[in-house]
């Protein structure tokens, strides 16, 4: 019985592996809205933001409905930053989009992301230890994760709370681009739990 308990613990730890600041960002390949296979390694030498998303989540709606997420994406793009949105919702679960559904959904949401990738089996989400939507990572040009966590410090689904919130992602991007150490490299993400496929 004891061995079974430790096996279950090890399985849970594996399924929710962590990729934290200071560690190399694992490469992955996922399809985008055109069915094109897109790999993280394509953007080597660039600053990259990974945004786990689910357009049905109230916390995601807070940032997209207000235009806050699109503003962050556009500002990042203007600085040469690659912004990748990833959906790890499984088929039949909230937020799931087939590859064919992606272009329309992104247009309706006004997304300014460089790419929106579909992770329907959840392997990439689990590899990174993503837990919520949104859940944010910033990767520097050397391929190291320099930030992981929440989008900001207001843990609510109320768009009114965006004003006056401290945006951790924009701060991490600015600090990374200027060569500074990230002042807050790790925070607690908040939002809806990712609707992973059953393991």
Protein backbone atom coordinates (compact mmCIF):
# COMPACT_ATOMS: atom_id res chain seq x y z
CA UNK A 1 0.00 0.00 0.00
CA UNK A 2 2.84 2.34 0.89
CA UNK A 3 4.47 1.76 -2.51
CA UNK A 4 1.20 2.55 -4.28
CA UNK A 5 0.94 5.83 -2.34
CA UNK A 6 4.43 6.93 -3.37
CA UNK A 7 3.76 5.87 -6.97
CA UNK A 8 0.65 8.07 -7.03
CA UNK A 9 2.61 10.98 -5.58
CA UNK A 10 5.32 10.56 -8.20
CA UNK A 11 2.69 10.39 -10.96
CA UNK A 12 1.05 13.61 -9.80
CA UNK A 13 4.45 15.34 -9.61
CA UNK A 14 5.27 14.21 -13.14
CA UNK A 15 1.92 15.36 -14.54
CA UNK A 16 2.36 18.78 -12.98
CA UNK A 17 6.07 19.30 -13.60
CA UNK A 18 7.31 22.81 -13.01
CA UNK A 19 9.31 24.97 -15.36
CA UNK A 20 10.36 27.81 -13.10
CA UNK A 21 12.52 30.92 -13.51
CA UNK A 22 16.15 30.13 -14.19
CA UNK A 23 15.34 26.87 -15.97
CA UNK A 24 15.50 26.28 -19.71
CA UNK A 25 12.14 26.47 -21.43
CA UNK A 26 11.46 23.04 -22.97
CA UNK A 27 10.85 23.03 -26.69
CA UNK A 28 7.45 21.95 -27.98
CA UNK A 29 5.56 21.77 -31.26
CA UNK A 30 1.83 22.43 -31.59
CA UNK A 31 -0.58 23.26 -34.44
CA UNK A 32 -1.78 26.83 -34.97
CA UNK A 33 -5.06 28.03 -36.44
CA UNK A 34 -3.89 27.25 -39.95
CA UNK A 35 -2.81 23.73 -39.04
CA UNK A 36 0.84 24.76 -39.28
CA UNK A 37 3.11 23.06 -36.77
CA UNK A 38 4.79 25.77 -34.70
CA UNK A 39 7.77 25.13 -32.42
CA UNK A 40 9.14 27.27 -29.61
CA UNK A 41 12.62 26.72 -31.05
CA UNK A 42 11.62 28.74 -34.15
CA UNK A 43 11.88 31.85 -31.99
CA UNK A 44 15.34 31.20 -30.57
CA UNK A 45 17.08 34.50 -29.82
CA UNK A 46 13.76 36.28 -29.18
CA UNK A 47 11.92 37.18 -26.02
CA UNK A 48 8.80 35.01 -25.91
CA UNK A 49 5.63 35.23 -23.82
CA UNK A 50 3.53 32.09 -23.30
CA UNK A 51 -0.06 32.78 -22.31
CA UNK A 52 -2.29 29.87 -21.32
CA UNK A 53 -5.81 30.85 -22.30
CA UNK A 54 -9.44 29.74 -22.44
CA UNK A 55 -11.87 32.22 -24.00
CA UNK A 56 -14.72 30.77 -21.90
CA UNK A 57 -13.02 31.54 -18.57
CA UNK A 58 -14.30 34.65 -16.71
CA UNK A 59 -10.74 35.60 -15.72
CA UNK A 60 -9.65 35.50 -19.36
CA UNK A 61 -12.78 37.44 -20.36
CA UNK A 62 -11.75 40.10 -17.83
CA UNK A 63 -8.56 40.79 -19.76
CA UNK A 64 -9.87 40.29 -23.31
CA UNK A 65 -13.26 41.96 -22.82
CA UNK A 66 -11.56 45.07 -21.46
CA UNK A 67 -8.90 45.09 -24.21
CA UNK A 68 -6.16 44.73 -21.61
CA UNK A 69 -4.70 41.50 -23.01
CA UNK A 70 -4.73 42.78 -26.59
CA UNK A 71 -2.98 45.96 -25.49
CA UNK A 72 -0.25 43.93 -23.77
CA UNK A 73 0.11 41.73 -26.85
CA UNK A 74 0.36 44.69 -29.23
CA UNK A 75 2.86 46.47 -27.00
CA UNK A 76 4.98 43.30 -26.80
CA UNK A 77 4.80 42.88 -30.59
CA UNK A 78 5.99 46.45 -31.10
CA UNK A 79 9.13 45.60 -29.12
CA UNK A 80 9.88 42.47 -31.14
CA UNK A 81 8.51 40.09 -28.52
CA UNK A 82 6.84 36.88 -29.69
CA UNK A 83 3.50 36.25 -27.97
CA UNK A 84 2.14 32.70 -28.05
CA UNK A 85 -1.32 31.89 -26.72
CA UNK A 86 -1.84 28.23 -25.84
CA UNK A 87 -5.11 26.44 -25.12
CA UNK A 88 -4.79 23.17 -23.23
CA UNK A 89 -8.55 22.60 -22.87
CA UNK A 90 -9.47 19.05 -23.89
CA UNK A 91 -12.18 18.29 -26.45
CA UNK A 92 -15.62 18.66 -24.88
CA UNK A 93 -14.35 20.90 -22.08
CA UNK A 94 -14.68 24.64 -21.55
CA UNK A 95 -12.55 26.71 -23.87
CA UNK A 96 -11.67 23.92 -26.28
CA UNK A 97 -11.12 25.02 -29.86
CA UNK A 98 -10.38 22.74 -32.77
CA UNK A 99 -7.67 23.99 -35.11
CA UNK A 100 -10.41 24.98 -37.56
CA UNK A 101 -12.20 27.06 -34.89
CA UNK A 102 -9.13 29.09 -33.94
CA UNK A 103 -9.14 31.85 -36.61
CA UNK A 104 -12.76 32.88 -35.98
CA UNK A 105 -12.37 32.73 -32.17
CA UNK A 106 -9.19 34.82 -32.25
CA UNK A 107 -10.80 37.39 -34.55
CA UNK A 108 -13.83 37.66 -32.26
CA UNK A 109 -11.56 38.05 -29.23
CA UNK A 110 -9.41 40.65 -31.01
CA UNK A 111 -6.27 38.68 -30.22
CA UNK A 112 -2.97 40.30 -31.18
CA UNK A 113 -0.92 37.21 -30.33
CA UNK A 114 1.80 36.09 -32.73
CA UNK A 115 0.28 32.60 -32.68
CA UNK A 116 -2.55 30.70 -31.00
CA UNK A 117 -1.65 27.04 -30.49
CA UNK A 118 -3.86 24.05 -29.70
CA UNK A 119 -2.64 21.65 -26.99
CA UNK A 120 -5.68 19.40 -26.82
CA UNK A 121 -3.95 16.48 -25.09
CA UNK A 122 -2.51 18.88 -22.51
CA UNK A 123 1.05 17.56 -22.78
CA UNK A 124 2.63 21.01 -23.14
CA UNK A 125 0.53 22.53 -20.37
CA UNK A 126 1.51 19.73 -18.03
CA UNK A 127 5.15 19.94 -19.11
CA UNK A 128 5.23 23.60 -18.11
CA UNK A 129 3.20 23.13 -14.95
CA UNK A 130 0.55 25.58 -16.17
CA UNK A 131 -2.40 25.58 -13.78
CA UNK A 132 -4.78 28.39 -14.62
CA UNK A 133 -6.08 30.59 -17.39
CA UNK A 134 -4.37 32.91 -17.66
CA UNK A 135 -0.98 31.49 -16.63
CA UNK A 136 1.98 33.45 -17.96
CA UNK A 137 5.60 32.69 -18.79
CA UNK A 138 8.31 35.03 -20.11
CA UNK A 139 11.30 33.43 -21.83
CA UNK A 140 14.45 35.42 -22.57
CA UNK A 141 16.52 35.24 -25.80
CA UNK A 142 18.83 32.67 -24.17
CA UNK A 143 15.85 30.32 -23.81
CA UNK A 144 15.54 30.63 -20.04
CA UNK A 145 12.27 31.18 -18.22
CA UNK A 146 12.61 34.52 -16.42
CA UNK A 147 9.01 34.88 -15.22
CA UNK A 148 6.18 32.51 -14.35
CA UNK A 149 2.91 33.37 -12.71
CA UNK A 150 -0.04 35.72 -12.71
CA UNK A 151 -0.72 38.45 -15.21
CA UNK A 152 -1.13 40.99 -12.39
CA UNK A 153 -1.67 41.37 -8.66
CA UNK A 154 -5.49 41.73 -8.65
CA UNK A 155 -6.86 38.21 -8.26
CA UNK A 156 -10.38 38.83 -9.49
CA UNK A 157 -12.53 38.43 -12.60
CA UNK A 158 -13.70 42.06 -12.39
CA UNK A 159 -12.43 44.25 -15.25
CA UNK A 160 -12.61 47.27 -12.94
CA UNK A 161 -9.67 45.81 -11.02
CA UNK A 162 -7.33 46.13 -14.00
CA UNK A 163 -6.89 49.84 -13.34
CA UNK A 164 -4.26 50.28 -10.67
CA UNK A 165 -3.13 46.65 -10.85
CA UNK A 166 0.55 45.85 -11.01
CA UNK A 167 1.14 44.00 -14.28
CA UNK A 168 3.85 41.43 -13.66
CA UNK A 169 4.14 40.42 -17.33
CA UNK A 170 4.77 43.89 -18.74
CA UNK A 171 7.30 44.51 -15.95
CA UNK A 172 9.11 41.22 -16.68
CA UNK A 173 9.21 41.98 -20.42
CA UNK A 174 10.62 45.45 -19.83
CA UNK A 175 13.24 44.21 -17.36
CA UNK A 176 14.25 41.33 -19.61
CA UNK A 177 14.60 43.52 -22.69
CA UNK A 178 16.76 45.98 -20.78
CA UNK A 179 19.01 43.22 -19.41
CA UNK A 180 17.92 43.74 -15.82
CA UNK A 181 17.23 40.99 -13.31
CA UNK A 182 13.51 40.31 -12.96
CA UNK A 183 12.41 41.79 -9.65
CA UNK A 184 9.50 39.39 -9.21
CA UNK A 185 10.28 36.28 -11.27
CA UNK A 186 7.69 34.00 -9.64
CA UNK A 187 4.14 34.77 -8.53
CA UNK A 188 1.01 32.71 -7.90
CA UNK A 189 -1.15 32.49 -11.04
CA UNK A 190 -4.89 32.97 -10.65
CA UNK A 191 -7.88 32.19 -12.82
CA UNK A 192 -9.87 29.15 -13.96
CA UNK A 193 -8.25 25.75 -13.61
CA UNK A 194 -7.01 24.45 -16.95
CA UNK A 195 -9.51 21.95 -18.36
CA UNK A 196 -7.00 19.20 -19.07
CA UNK A 197 -7.88 15.84 -20.59
CA UNK A 198 -8.12 13.13 -17.95
CA UNK A 199 -4.68 11.56 -17.47
